[in-house]
């Protein structure tokens, strides 16, 4: 049985960051990989653990937690927010879109 990377990602991020909001989307199908490719993921994570950290530091923390699975992923779109930033994003109806893939077939 194939390991579901989405589940692993969700479990590790939940354990490490206790997020108030977590969305993990497998976007592989949008990039020519098909429904089982598990190659492109988008993560929207909201946690107090990001308070006081700059964007790069937040991304490094997430990547560190996912170090074992990152080698299996081709693209990872990260949206890391504090609870206050999340409140503002919701008020502004922000959408967290991933960049297009230049290798899409």
PDB file of N, CA and C in Angstrom:
ATOM      1  N   UNK A   1       0.838  -1.195   0.000  1.00  0.00           N
ATOM      2  CA  UNK A   1       0.000   0.000   0.000  1.00  0.00           C
ATOM      3  C   UNK A   1       0.879   1.253   0.000  1.00  0.00           C
ATOM      4  N   UNK A   2       0.543   2.180  -0.844  1.00  0.00           N
ATOM      5  CA  UNK A   2       1.315   3.408  -0.997  1.00  0.00           C
ATOM      6  C   UNK A   2       1.096   4.331   0.205  1.00  0.00           C
ATOM      7  N   UNK A   3       2.192   4.864   0.733  1.00  0.00           N
ATOM      8  CA  UNK A   3       2.104   5.800   1.838  1.00  0.00           C
ATOM      9  C   UNK A   3       1.477   7.094   1.346  1.00  0.00           C
ATOM     10  N   UNK A   4       0.531   7.603   2.084  1.00  0.00           N
ATOM     11  CA  UNK A   4      -0.126   8.846   1.722  1.00  0.00           C
ATOM     12  C   UNK A   4       0.638   9.998   2.368  1.00  0.00           C
ATOM     13  N   UNK A   5       1.376  10.733   1.554  1.00  0.00           N
ATOM     14  CA  UNK A   5       2.202  11.824   2.066  1.00  0.00           C
ATOM     15  C   UNK A   5       1.360  12.905   2.735  1.00  0.00           C
ATOM     16  N   UNK A   6       0.179  13.161   2.211  1.00  0.00           N
ATOM     17  CA  UNK A   6      -0.686  14.190   2.798  1.00  0.00           C
ATOM     18  C   UNK A   6      -0.953  13.887   4.272  1.00  0.00           C
ATOM     19  N   UNK A   7      -1.233  12.651   4.594  1.00  0.00           N
ATOM     20  CA  UNK A   7      -1.506  12.258   5.977  1.00  0.00           C
ATOM     21  C   UNK A   7      -0.266  12.437   6.849  1.00  0.00           C
ATOM     22  N   UNK A   8       0.869  12.050   6.345  1.00  0.00           N
ATOM     23  CA  UNK A   8       2.121  12.213   7.096  1.00  0.00           C
ATOM     24  C   UNK A   8       2.388  13.691   7.366  1.00  0.00           C
ATOM     25  N   UNK A   9       2.212  14.517   6.347  1.00  0.00           N
ATOM     26  CA  UNK A   9       2.423  15.951   6.488  1.00  0.00           C
ATOM     27  C   UNK A   9       1.491  16.517   7.559  1.00  0.00           C
ATOM     28  N   UNK A  10       0.223  16.171   7.482  1.00  0.00           N
ATOM     29  CA  UNK A  10      -0.754  16.665   8.452  1.00  0.00           C
ATOM     30  C   UNK A  10      -0.382  16.252   9.882  1.00  0.00           C
ATOM     31  N   UNK A  11      -0.031  15.001  10.051  1.00  0.00           N
ATOM     32  CA  UNK A  11       0.300  14.502  11.391  1.00  0.00           C
ATOM     33  C   UNK A  11       1.524  15.208  11.973  1.00  0.00           C
ATOM     34  N   UNK A  12       2.556  15.351  11.175  1.00  0.00           N
ATOM     35  CA  UNK A  12       3.800  15.976  11.681  1.00  0.00           C
ATOM     36  C   UNK A  12       3.598  17.451  11.999  1.00  0.00           C
ATOM     37  N   UNK A  13       2.893  18.162  11.133  1.00  0.00           N
ATOM     38  CA  UNK A  13       2.660  19.580  11.391  1.00  0.00           C
ATOM     39  C   UNK A  13       1.752  19.788  12.609  1.00  0.00           C
ATOM     40  N   UNK A  14       0.764  18.939  12.748  1.00  0.00           N
ATOM     41  CA  UNK A  14      -0.130  19.043  13.903  1.00  0.00           C
ATOM     42  C   UNK A  14       0.628  18.782  15.193  1.00  0.00           C
ATOM     43  N   UNK A  15       1.454  17.770  15.190  1.00  0.00           N
ATOM     44  CA  UNK A  15       2.226  17.427  16.383  1.00  0.00           C
ATOM     45  C   UNK A  15       3.200  18.539  16.767  1.00  0.00           C
ATOM     46  N   UNK A  16       3.861  19.132  15.785  1.00  0.00           N
ATOM     47  CA  UNK A  16       4.892  20.128  16.065  1.00  0.00           C
ATOM     48  C   UNK A  16       4.340  21.513  16.361  1.00  0.00           C
ATOM     49  N   UNK A  17       3.288  21.929  15.638  1.00  0.00           N
ATOM     50  CA  UNK A  17       2.850  23.319  15.708  1.00  0.00           C
ATOM     51  C   UNK A  17       1.498  23.532  16.389  1.00  0.00           C
ATOM     52  N   UNK A  18       0.751  22.483  16.666  1.00  0.00           N
ATOM     53  CA  UNK A  18      -0.599  22.622  17.233  1.00  0.00           C
ATOM     54  C   UNK A  18      -1.363  23.755  16.544  1.00  0.00           C
ATOM     55  N   UNK A  19      -1.525  23.647  15.247  1.00  0.00           N
ATOM     56  CA  UNK A  19      -2.118  24.757  14.493  1.00  0.00           C
ATOM     57  C   UNK A  19      -3.595  24.969  14.811  1.00  0.00           C
ATOM     58  N   UNK A  20      -4.010  26.243  14.704  1.00  0.00           N
ATOM     59  CA  UNK A  20      -5.443  26.529  14.846  1.00  0.00           C
ATOM     60  C   UNK A  20      -6.143  26.352  13.497  1.00  0.00           C
ATOM     61  N   UNK A  21      -5.360  26.315  12.439  1.00  0.00           N
ATOM     62  CA  UNK A  21      -5.867  26.051  11.095  1.00  0.00           C
ATOM     63  C   UNK A  21      -4.776  25.323  10.318  1.00  0.00           C
ATOM     64  N   UNK A  22      -5.148  24.261   9.634  1.00  0.00           N
ATOM     65  CA  UNK A  22      -4.195  23.525   8.807  1.00  0.00           C
ATOM     66  C   UNK A  22      -4.912  22.997   7.580  1.00  0.00           C
ATOM     67  N   UNK A  23      -4.397  23.382   6.432  1.00  0.00           N
ATOM     68  CA  UNK A  23      -4.908  22.874   5.165  1.00  0.00           C
ATOM     69  C   UNK A  23      -3.723  22.298   4.392  1.00  0.00           C
ATOM     70  N   UNK A  24      -3.822  21.039   4.055  1.00  0.00           N
ATOM     71  CA  UNK A  24      -2.796  20.400   3.241  1.00  0.00           C
ATOM     72  C   UNK A  24      -3.503  19.876   2.002  1.00  0.00           C
ATOM     73  N   UNK A  25      -3.112  20.410   0.857  1.00  0.00           N
ATOM     74  CA  UNK A  25      -3.747  20.021  -0.398  1.00  0.00           C
ATOM     75  C   UNK A  25      -2.725  19.390  -1.334  1.00  0.00           C
ATOM     76  N   UNK A  26      -3.078  18.237  -1.854  1.00  0.00           N
ATOM     77  CA  UNK A  26      -2.261  17.600  -2.880  1.00  0.00           C
ATOM     78  C   UNK A  26      -2.696  18.199  -4.217  1.00  0.00           C
ATOM     79  N   UNK A  27      -1.859  19.033  -4.786  1.00  0.00           N
ATOM     80  CA  UNK A  27      -2.178  19.714  -6.036  1.00  0.00           C
ATOM     81  C   UNK A  27      -1.516  19.057  -7.248  1.00  0.00           C
ATOM     82  N   UNK A  28      -1.058  17.845  -7.093  1.00  0.00           N
ATOM     83  CA  UNK A  28      -0.338  17.153  -8.166  1.00  0.00           C
ATOM     84  C   UNK A  28      -1.149  17.083  -9.452  1.00  0.00           C
ATOM     85  N   UNK A  29      -2.432  16.857  -9.328  1.00  0.00           N
ATOM     86  CA  UNK A  29      -3.301  16.722 -10.508  1.00  0.00           C
ATOM     87  C   UNK A  29      -3.314  17.991 -11.346  1.00  0.00           C
ATOM     88  N   UNK A  30      -3.021  19.147 -10.735  1.00  0.00           N
ATOM     89  CA  UNK A  30      -3.002  20.408 -11.473  1.00  0.00           C
ATOM     90  C   UNK A  30      -1.689  20.611 -12.225  1.00  0.00           C
ATOM     91  N   UNK A  31      -0.747  19.740 -12.004  1.00  0.00           N
ATOM     92  CA  UNK A  31       0.588  19.926 -12.565  1.00  0.00           C
ATOM     93  C   UNK A  31       1.011  18.769 -13.461  1.00  0.00           C
ATOM     94  N   UNK A  32       0.041  18.060 -13.987  1.00  0.00           N
ATOM     95  CA  UNK A  32       0.335  16.989 -14.925  1.00  0.00           C
ATOM     96  C   UNK A  32       0.795  15.700 -14.278  1.00  0.00           C
ATOM     97  N   UNK A  33       0.749  15.626 -12.952  1.00  0.00           N
ATOM     98  CA  UNK A  33       1.237  14.442 -12.263  1.00  0.00           C
ATOM     99  C   UNK A  33       0.203  13.366 -12.055  1.00  0.00           C
ATOM    100  N   UNK A  34      -1.036  13.674 -12.265  1.00  0.00           N
ATOM    101  CA  UNK A  34      -2.089  12.698 -12.040  1.00  0.00           C
ATOM    102  C   UNK A  34      -2.482  12.629 -10.578  1.00  0.00           C
ATOM    103  N   UNK A  35      -3.578  11.958 -10.294  1.00  0.00           N
ATOM    104  CA  UNK A  35      -4.130  11.949  -8.939  1.00  0.00           C
ATOM    105  C   UNK A  35      -3.286  11.208  -7.904  1.00  0.00           C
ATOM    106  N   UNK A  36      -2.384  10.340  -8.335  1.00  0.00           N
ATOM    107  CA  UNK A  36      -1.582   9.560  -7.389  1.00  0.00           C
ATOM    108  C   UNK A  36      -0.114   9.994  -7.328  1.00  0.00           C
ATOM    109  N   UNK A  37       0.228  11.085  -7.956  1.00  0.00           N
ATOM    110  CA  UNK A  37       1.634  11.498  -8.058  1.00  0.00           C
ATOM    111  C   UNK A  37       2.228  11.932  -6.718  1.00  0.00           C
ATOM    112  N   UNK A  38       1.439  12.589  -5.877  1.00  0.00           N
ATOM    113  CA  UNK A  38       1.918  13.102  -4.584  1.00  0.00           C
ATOM    114  C   UNK A  38       3.206  13.909  -4.749  1.00  0.00           C
ATOM    115  N   UNK A  39       3.205  14.817  -5.722  1.00  0.00           N
ATOM    116  CA  UNK A  39       4.424  15.552  -6.039  1.00  0.00           C
ATOM    117  C   UNK A  39       4.349  17.045  -5.743  1.00  0.00           C
ATOM    118  N   UNK A  40       3.148  17.596  -5.687  1.00  0.00           N
ATOM    119  CA  UNK A  40       2.953  19.031  -5.473  1.00  0.00           C
ATOM    120  C   UNK A  40       1.959  19.228  -4.320  1.00  0.00           C
ATOM    121  N   UNK A  41       2.398  19.941  -3.291  1.00  0.00           N
ATOM    122  CA  UNK A  41       1.529  20.174  -2.141  1.00  0.00           C
ATOM    123  C   UNK A  41       1.462  21.651  -1.795  1.00  0.00           C
ATOM    124  N   UNK A  42       0.293  22.058  -1.327  1.00  0.00           N
ATOM    125  CA  UNK A  42       0.106  23.396  -0.782  1.00  0.00           C
ATOM    126  C   UNK A  42      -0.264  23.236   0.684  1.00  0.00           C
ATOM    127  N   UNK A  43       0.406  24.026   1.534  1.00  0.00           N
ATOM    128  CA  UNK A  43       0.138  23.996   2.969  1.00  0.00           C
ATOM    129  C   UNK A  43      -0.200  25.405   3.428  1.00  0.00           C
ATOM    130  N   UNK A  44      -1.344  25.530   4.070  1.00  0.00           N
ATOM    131  CA  UNK A  44      -1.707  26.756   4.777  1.00  0.00           C
ATOM    132  C   UNK A  44      -1.758  26.360   6.243  1.00  0.00           C
ATOM    133  N   UNK A  45      -0.884  26.957   7.043  1.00  0.00           N
ATOM    134  CA  UNK A  45      -0.809  26.604   8.454  1.00  0.00           C
ATOM    135  C   UNK A  45      -0.811  27.886   9.290  1.00  0.00           C
ATOM    136  N   UNK A  46      -1.658  27.888  10.307  1.00  0.00           N
ATOM    137  CA  UNK A  46      -1.794  29.035  11.207  1.00  0.00           C
ATOM    138  C   UNK A  46      -1.448  28.554  12.605  1.00  0.00           C
ATOM    139  N   UNK A  47      -0.434  29.172  13.191  1.00  0.00           N
ATOM    140  CA  UNK A  47       0.016  28.739  14.514  1.00  0.00           C
ATOM    141  C   UNK A  47       0.646  29.898  15.279  1.00  0.00           C
ATOM    142  N   UNK A  48       0.405  29.936  16.586  1.00  0.00           N
ATOM    143  CA  UNK A  48       1.094  30.921  17.420  1.00  0.00           C
ATOM    144  C   UNK A  48       2.611  30.718  17.408  1.00  0.00           C
ATOM    145  N   UNK A  49       3.068  29.539  17.027  1.00  0.00           N
ATOM    146  CA  UNK A  49       4.503  29.246  16.982  1.00  0.00           C
ATOM    147  C   UNK A  49       5.237  30.144  15.986  1.00  0.00           C
ATOM    148  N   UNK A  50       4.510  30.769  15.060  1.00  0.00           N
ATOM    149  CA  UNK A  50       5.136  31.627  14.063  1.00  0.00           C
ATOM    150  C   UNK A  50       5.246  33.086  14.516  1.00  0.00           C
ATOM    151  N   UNK A  51       4.656  33.401  15.652  1.00  0.00           N
ATOM    152  CA  UNK A  51       4.705  34.780  16.146  1.00  0.00           C
ATOM    153  C   UNK A  51       6.147  35.218  16.363  1.00  0.00           C
ATOM    154  N   UNK A  52       6.467  36.399  15.870  1.00  0.00           N
ATOM    155  CA  UNK A  52       7.803  36.955  16.031  1.00  0.00           C
ATOM    156  C   UNK A  52       8.830  36.435  15.048  1.00  0.00           C
ATOM    157  N   UNK A  53       8.438  35.518  14.180  1.00  0.00           N
ATOM    158  CA  UNK A  53       9.372  34.960  13.198  1.00  0.00           C
ATOM    159  C   UNK A  53       9.123  35.569  11.827  1.00  0.00           C
ATOM    160  N   UNK A  54      10.205  35.834  11.098  1.00  0.00           N
ATOM    161  CA  UNK A  54      10.084  36.283   9.722  1.00  0.00           C
ATOM    162  C   UNK A  54       9.704  35.100   8.843  1.00  0.00           C
ATOM    163  N   UNK A  55       9.242  35.412   7.658  1.00  0.00           N
ATOM    164  CA  UNK A  55       8.741  34.393   6.739  1.00  0.00           C
ATOM    165  C   UNK A  55       9.741  33.270   6.497  1.00  0.00           C
ATOM    166  N   UNK A  56      10.987  33.611   6.242  1.00  0.00           N
ATOM    167  CA  UNK A  56      11.995  32.592   5.968  1.00  0.00           C
ATOM    168  C   UNK A  56      12.181  31.656   7.156  1.00  0.00           C
ATOM    169  N   UNK A  57      12.179  32.188   8.364  1.00  0.00           N
ATOM    170  CA  UNK A  57      12.329  31.359   9.561  1.00  0.00           C
ATOM    171  C   UNK A  57      11.126  30.425   9.730  1.00  0.00           C
ATOM    172  N   UNK A  58       9.952  30.909   9.415  1.00  0.00           N
ATOM    173  CA  UNK A  58       8.745  30.065   9.486  1.00  0.00           C
ATOM    174  C   UNK A  58       8.853  28.905   8.511  1.00  0.00           C
ATOM    175  N   UNK A  59       9.253  29.226   7.288  1.00  0.00           N
ATOM    176  CA  UNK A  59       9.365  28.180   6.265  1.00  0.00           C
ATOM    177  C   UNK A  59      10.439  27.165   6.635  1.00  0.00           C
ATOM    178  N   UNK A  60      11.525  27.640   7.179  1.00  0.00           N
ATOM    179  CA  UNK A  60      12.584  26.712   7.602  1.00  0.00           C
ATOM    180  C   UNK A  60      12.096  25.776   8.702  1.00  0.00           C
ATOM    181  N   UNK A  61      11.302  26.295   9.627  1.00  0.00           N
ATOM    182  CA  UNK A  61      10.758  25.438  10.687  1.00  0.00           C
ATOM    183  C   UNK A  61       9.871  24.341  10.101  1.00  0.00           C
ATOM    184  N   UNK A  62       9.003  24.730   9.193  1.00  0.00           N
ATOM    185  CA  UNK A  62       8.110  23.747   8.561  1.00  0.00           C
ATOM    186  C   UNK A  62       8.930  22.731   7.767  1.00  0.00           C
ATOM    187  N   UNK A  63       9.879  23.201   6.990  1.00  0.00           N
ATOM    188  CA  UNK A  63      10.703  22.297   6.195  1.00  0.00           C
ATOM    189  C   UNK A  63      11.517  21.351   7.075  1.00  0.00           C
ATOM    190  N   UNK A  64      11.948  21.837   8.224  1.00  0.00           N
ATOM    191  CA  UNK A  64      12.692  20.991   9.155  1.00  0.00           C
ATOM    192  C   UNK A  64      11.821  19.850   9.677  1.00  0.00           C
ATOM    193  N   UNK A  65      10.587  20.174  10.008  1.00  0.00           N
ATOM    194  CA  UNK A  65       9.652  19.154  10.504  1.00  0.00           C
ATOM    195  C   UNK A  65       9.336  18.130   9.414  1.00  0.00           C
ATOM    196  N   UNK A  66       9.333  18.576   8.174  1.00  0.00           N
ATOM    197  CA  UNK A  66       8.988  17.691   7.051  1.00  0.00           C
ATOM    198  C   UNK A  66      10.211  17.158   6.310  1.00  0.00           C
ATOM    199  N   UNK A  67      11.371  17.257   6.924  1.00  0.00           N
ATOM    200  CA  UNK A  67      12.631  16.905   6.255  1.00  0.00           C
ATOM    201  C   UNK A  67      12.605  15.521   5.608  1.00  0.00           C
ATOM    202  N   UNK A  68      12.017  14.544   6.271  1.00  0.00           N
ATOM    203  CA  UNK A  68      12.020  13.174   5.741  1.00  0.00           C
ATOM    204  C   UNK A  68      11.161  13.021   4.493  1.00  0.00           C
ATOM    205  N   UNK A  69      10.122  13.836   4.353  1.00  0.00           N
ATOM    206  CA  UNK A  69       9.234  13.677   3.199  1.00  0.00           C
ATOM    207  C   UNK A  69       9.520  14.675   2.082  1.00  0.00           C
ATOM    208  N   UNK A  70      10.250  15.722   2.381  1.00  0.00           N
ATOM    209  CA  UNK A  70      10.505  16.746   1.367  1.00  0.00           C
ATOM    210  C   UNK A  70      11.240  16.172   0.158  1.00  0.00           C
ATOM    211  N   UNK A  71      12.101  15.216   0.371  1.00  0.00           N
ATOM    212  CA  UNK A  71      12.835  14.635  -0.753  1.00  0.00           C
ATOM    213  C   UNK A  71      11.911  13.899  -1.731  1.00  0.00           C
ATOM    214  N   UNK A  72      10.703  13.570  -1.291  1.00  0.00           N
ATOM    215  CA  UNK A  72       9.739  12.871  -2.135  1.00  0.00           C
ATOM    216  C   UNK A  72       8.782  13.824  -2.858  1.00  0.00           C
ATOM    217  N   UNK A  73       8.904  15.126  -2.559  1.00  0.00           N
ATOM    218  CA  UNK A  73       7.990  16.130  -3.084  1.00  0.00           C
ATOM    219  C   UNK A  73       8.731  17.004  -4.094  1.00  0.00           C
ATOM    220  N   UNK A  74       8.087  17.282  -5.193  1.00  0.00           N
ATOM    221  CA  UNK A  74       8.704  18.129  -6.214  1.00  0.00           C
ATOM    222  C   UNK A  74       8.502  19.616  -5.920  1.00  0.00           C
ATOM    223  N   UNK A  75       7.306  19.977  -5.419  1.00  0.00           N
ATOM    224  CA  UNK A  75       6.999  21.388  -5.147  1.00  0.00           C
ATOM    225  C   UNK A  75       6.175  21.493  -3.878  1.00  0.00           C
ATOM    226  N   UNK A  76       6.511  22.511  -3.082  1.00  0.00           N
ATOM    227  CA  UNK A  76       5.824  22.743  -1.816  1.00  0.00           C
ATOM    228  C   UNK A  76       5.522  24.232  -1.706  1.00  0.00           C
ATOM    229  N   UNK A  77       4.250  24.562  -1.683  1.00  0.00           N
ATOM    230  CA  UNK A  77       3.808  25.947  -1.543  1.00  0.00           C
ATOM    231  C   UNK A  77       3.418  26.152  -0.082  1.00  0.00           C
ATOM    232  N   UNK A  78       4.126  27.034   0.611  1.00  0.00           N
ATOM    233  CA  UNK A  78       3.901  27.251   2.044  1.00  0.00           C
ATOM    234  C   UNK A  78       3.275  28.612   2.305  1.00  0.00           C
ATOM    235  N   UNK A  79       2.256  28.610   3.135  1.00  0.00           N
ATOM    236  CA  UNK A  79       1.611  29.831   3.611  1.00  0.00           C
ATOM    237  C   UNK A  79       1.548  29.697   5.126  1.00  0.00           C
ATOM    238  N   UNK A  80       2.449  30.374   5.812  1.00  0.00           N
ATOM    239  CA  UNK A  80       2.605  30.248   7.260  1.00  0.00           C
ATOM    240  C   UNK A  80       2.162  31.549   7.914  1.00  0.00           C
ATOM    241  N   UNK A  81       1.139  31.469   8.754  1.00  0.00           N
ATOM    242  CA  UNK A  81       0.571  32.672   9.340  1.00  0.00           C
ATOM    243  C   UNK A  81       0.425  32.553  10.849  1.00  0.00           C
ATOM    244  N   UNK A  82       0.453  33.712  11.494  1.00  0.00           N
ATOM    245  CA  UNK A  82       0.109  33.785  12.912  1.00  0.00           C
ATOM    246  C   UNK A  82      -1.414  33.887  12.998  1.00  0.00           C
ATOM    247  N   UNK A  83      -1.988  33.672  14.183  1.00  0.00           N
ATOM    248  CA  UNK A  83      -3.444  33.830  14.314  1.00  0.00           C
ATOM    249  C   UNK A  83      -3.936  35.226  13.917  1.00  0.00           C
ATOM    250  N   UNK A  84      -3.189  36.273  14.268  1.00  0.00           N
ATOM    251  CA  UNK A  84      -3.597  37.630  13.888  1.00  0.00           C
ATOM    252  C   UNK A  84      -3.571  37.815  12.370  1.00  0.00           C
ATOM    253  N   UNK A  85      -2.550  37.281  11.717  1.00  0.00           N
ATOM    254  CA  UNK A  85      -2.471  37.368  10.259  1.00  0.00           C
ATOM    255  C   UNK A  85      -3.613  36.592   9.603  1.00  0.00           C
ATOM    256  N   UNK A  86      -3.992  35.479  10.201  1.00  0.00           N
ATOM    257  CA  UNK A  86      -5.090  34.658   9.683  1.00  0.00           C
ATOM    258  C   UNK A  86      -6.404  35.428   9.763  1.00  0.00           C
ATOM    259  N   UNK A  87      -6.617  36.122  10.879  1.00  0.00           N
ATOM    260  CA  UNK A  87      -7.831  36.917  11.042  1.00  0.00           C
ATOM    261  C   UNK A  87      -7.924  37.975   9.944  1.00  0.00           C
ATOM    262  N   UNK A  88      -6.828  38.656   9.702  1.00  0.00           N
ATOM    263  CA  UNK A  88      -6.791  39.683   8.655  1.00  0.00           C
ATOM    264  C   UNK A  88      -7.017  39.055   7.278  1.00  0.00           C
ATOM    265  N   UNK A  89      -6.384  37.934   7.018  1.00  0.00           N
ATOM    266  CA  UNK A  89      -6.533  37.252   5.728  1.00  0.00           C
ATOM    267  C   UNK A  89      -7.988  36.861   5.481  1.00  0.00           C
ATOM    268  N   UNK A  90      -8.659  36.364   6.499  1.00  0.00           N
ATOM    269  CA  UNK A  90     -10.072  35.991   6.352  1.00  0.00           C
ATOM    270  C   UNK A  90     -10.927  37.221   6.088  1.00  0.00           C
ATOM    271  N   UNK A  91     -10.659  38.317   6.802  1.00  0.00           N
ATOM    272  CA  UNK A  91     -11.420  39.550   6.602  1.00  0.00           C
ATOM    273  C   UNK A  91     -11.251  40.079   5.188  1.00  0.00           C
ATOM    274  N   UNK A  92     -10.096  39.876   4.611  1.00  0.00           N
ATOM    275  CA  UNK A  92      -9.800  40.362   3.263  1.00  0.00           C
ATOM    276  C   UNK A  92     -10.100  39.328   2.182  1.00  0.00           C
ATOM    277  N   UNK A  93     -10.684  38.210   2.586  1.00  0.00           N
ATOM    278  CA  UNK A  93     -10.984  37.120   1.645  1.00  0.00           C
ATOM    279  C   UNK A  93      -9.760  36.713   0.829  1.00  0.00           C
ATOM    280  N   UNK A  94      -8.630  36.638   1.498  1.00  0.00           N
ATOM    281  CA  UNK A  94      -7.391  36.255   0.834  1.00  0.00           C
ATOM    282  C   UNK A  94      -7.468  34.825   0.327  1.00  0.00           C
ATOM    283  N   UNK A  95      -6.919  34.624  -0.840  1.00  0.00           N
ATOM    284  CA  UNK A  95      -6.809  33.256  -1.346  1.00  0.00           C
ATOM    285  C   UNK A  95      -5.328  32.908  -1.357  1.00  0.00           C
ATOM    286  N   UNK A  96      -5.044  31.711  -1.004  1.00  0.00           N
ATOM    287  CA  UNK A  96      -3.662  31.247  -0.937  1.00  0.00           C
ATOM    288  C   UNK A  96      -3.439  30.327  -2.120  1.00  0.00           C
ATOM    289  N   UNK A  97      -2.968  30.934  -3.196  1.00  0.00           N
ATOM    290  CA  UNK A  97      -2.777  30.187  -4.430  1.00  0.00           C
ATOM    291  C   UNK A  97      -1.326  29.782  -4.583  1.00  0.00           C
ATOM    292  N   UNK A  98      -1.153  28.664  -5.216  1.00  0.00           N
ATOM    293  CA  UNK A  98       0.189  28.181  -5.525  1.00  0.00           C
ATOM    294  C   UNK A  98       0.620  28.726  -6.872  1.00  0.00           C
ATOM    295  N   UNK A  99       1.912  28.912  -7.069  1.00  0.00           N
ATOM    296  CA  UNK A  99       2.377  29.347  -8.386  1.00  0.00           C
ATOM    297  C   UNK A  99       2.143  28.267  -9.424  1.00  0.00           C
ATOM    298  N   UNK A 100       2.066  28.680 -10.659  1.00  0.00           N
ATOM    299  CA  UNK A 100       1.901  27.718 -11.756  1.00  0.00           C
ATOM    300  C   UNK A 100       3.149  26.859 -11.903  1.00  0.00           C
ATOM    301  N   UNK A 101       2.989  25.748 -12.567  1.00  0.00           N
ATOM    302  CA  UNK A 101       4.098  24.825 -12.766  1.00  0.00           C
ATOM    303  C   UNK A 101       4.540  24.899 -14.218  1.00  0.00           C
ATOM    304  N   UNK A 102       5.809  25.188 -14.430  1.00  0.00           N
ATOM    305  CA  UNK A 102       6.306  25.321 -15.806  1.00  0.00           C
ATOM    306  C   UNK A 102       6.436  23.974 -16.527  1.00  0.00           C
ATOM    307  N   UNK A 103       6.366  22.866 -15.786  1.00  0.00           N
ATOM    308  CA  UNK A 103       6.487  21.537 -16.416  1.00  0.00           C
ATOM    309  C   UNK A 103       5.154  20.857 -16.634  1.00  0.00           C
ATOM    310  N   UNK A 104       4.061  21.581 -16.453  1.00  0.00           N
ATOM    311  CA  UNK A 104       2.737  20.975 -16.632  1.00  0.00           C
ATOM    312  C   UNK A 104       2.577  20.521 -18.075  1.00  0.00           C
ATOM    313  N   UNK A 105       2.039  19.320 -18.201  1.00  0.00           N
ATOM    314  CA  UNK A 105       1.828  18.799 -19.561  1.00  0.00           C
ATOM    315  C   UNK A 105       0.366  18.855 -19.934  1.00  0.00           C
TER     316      UNK A 105
END
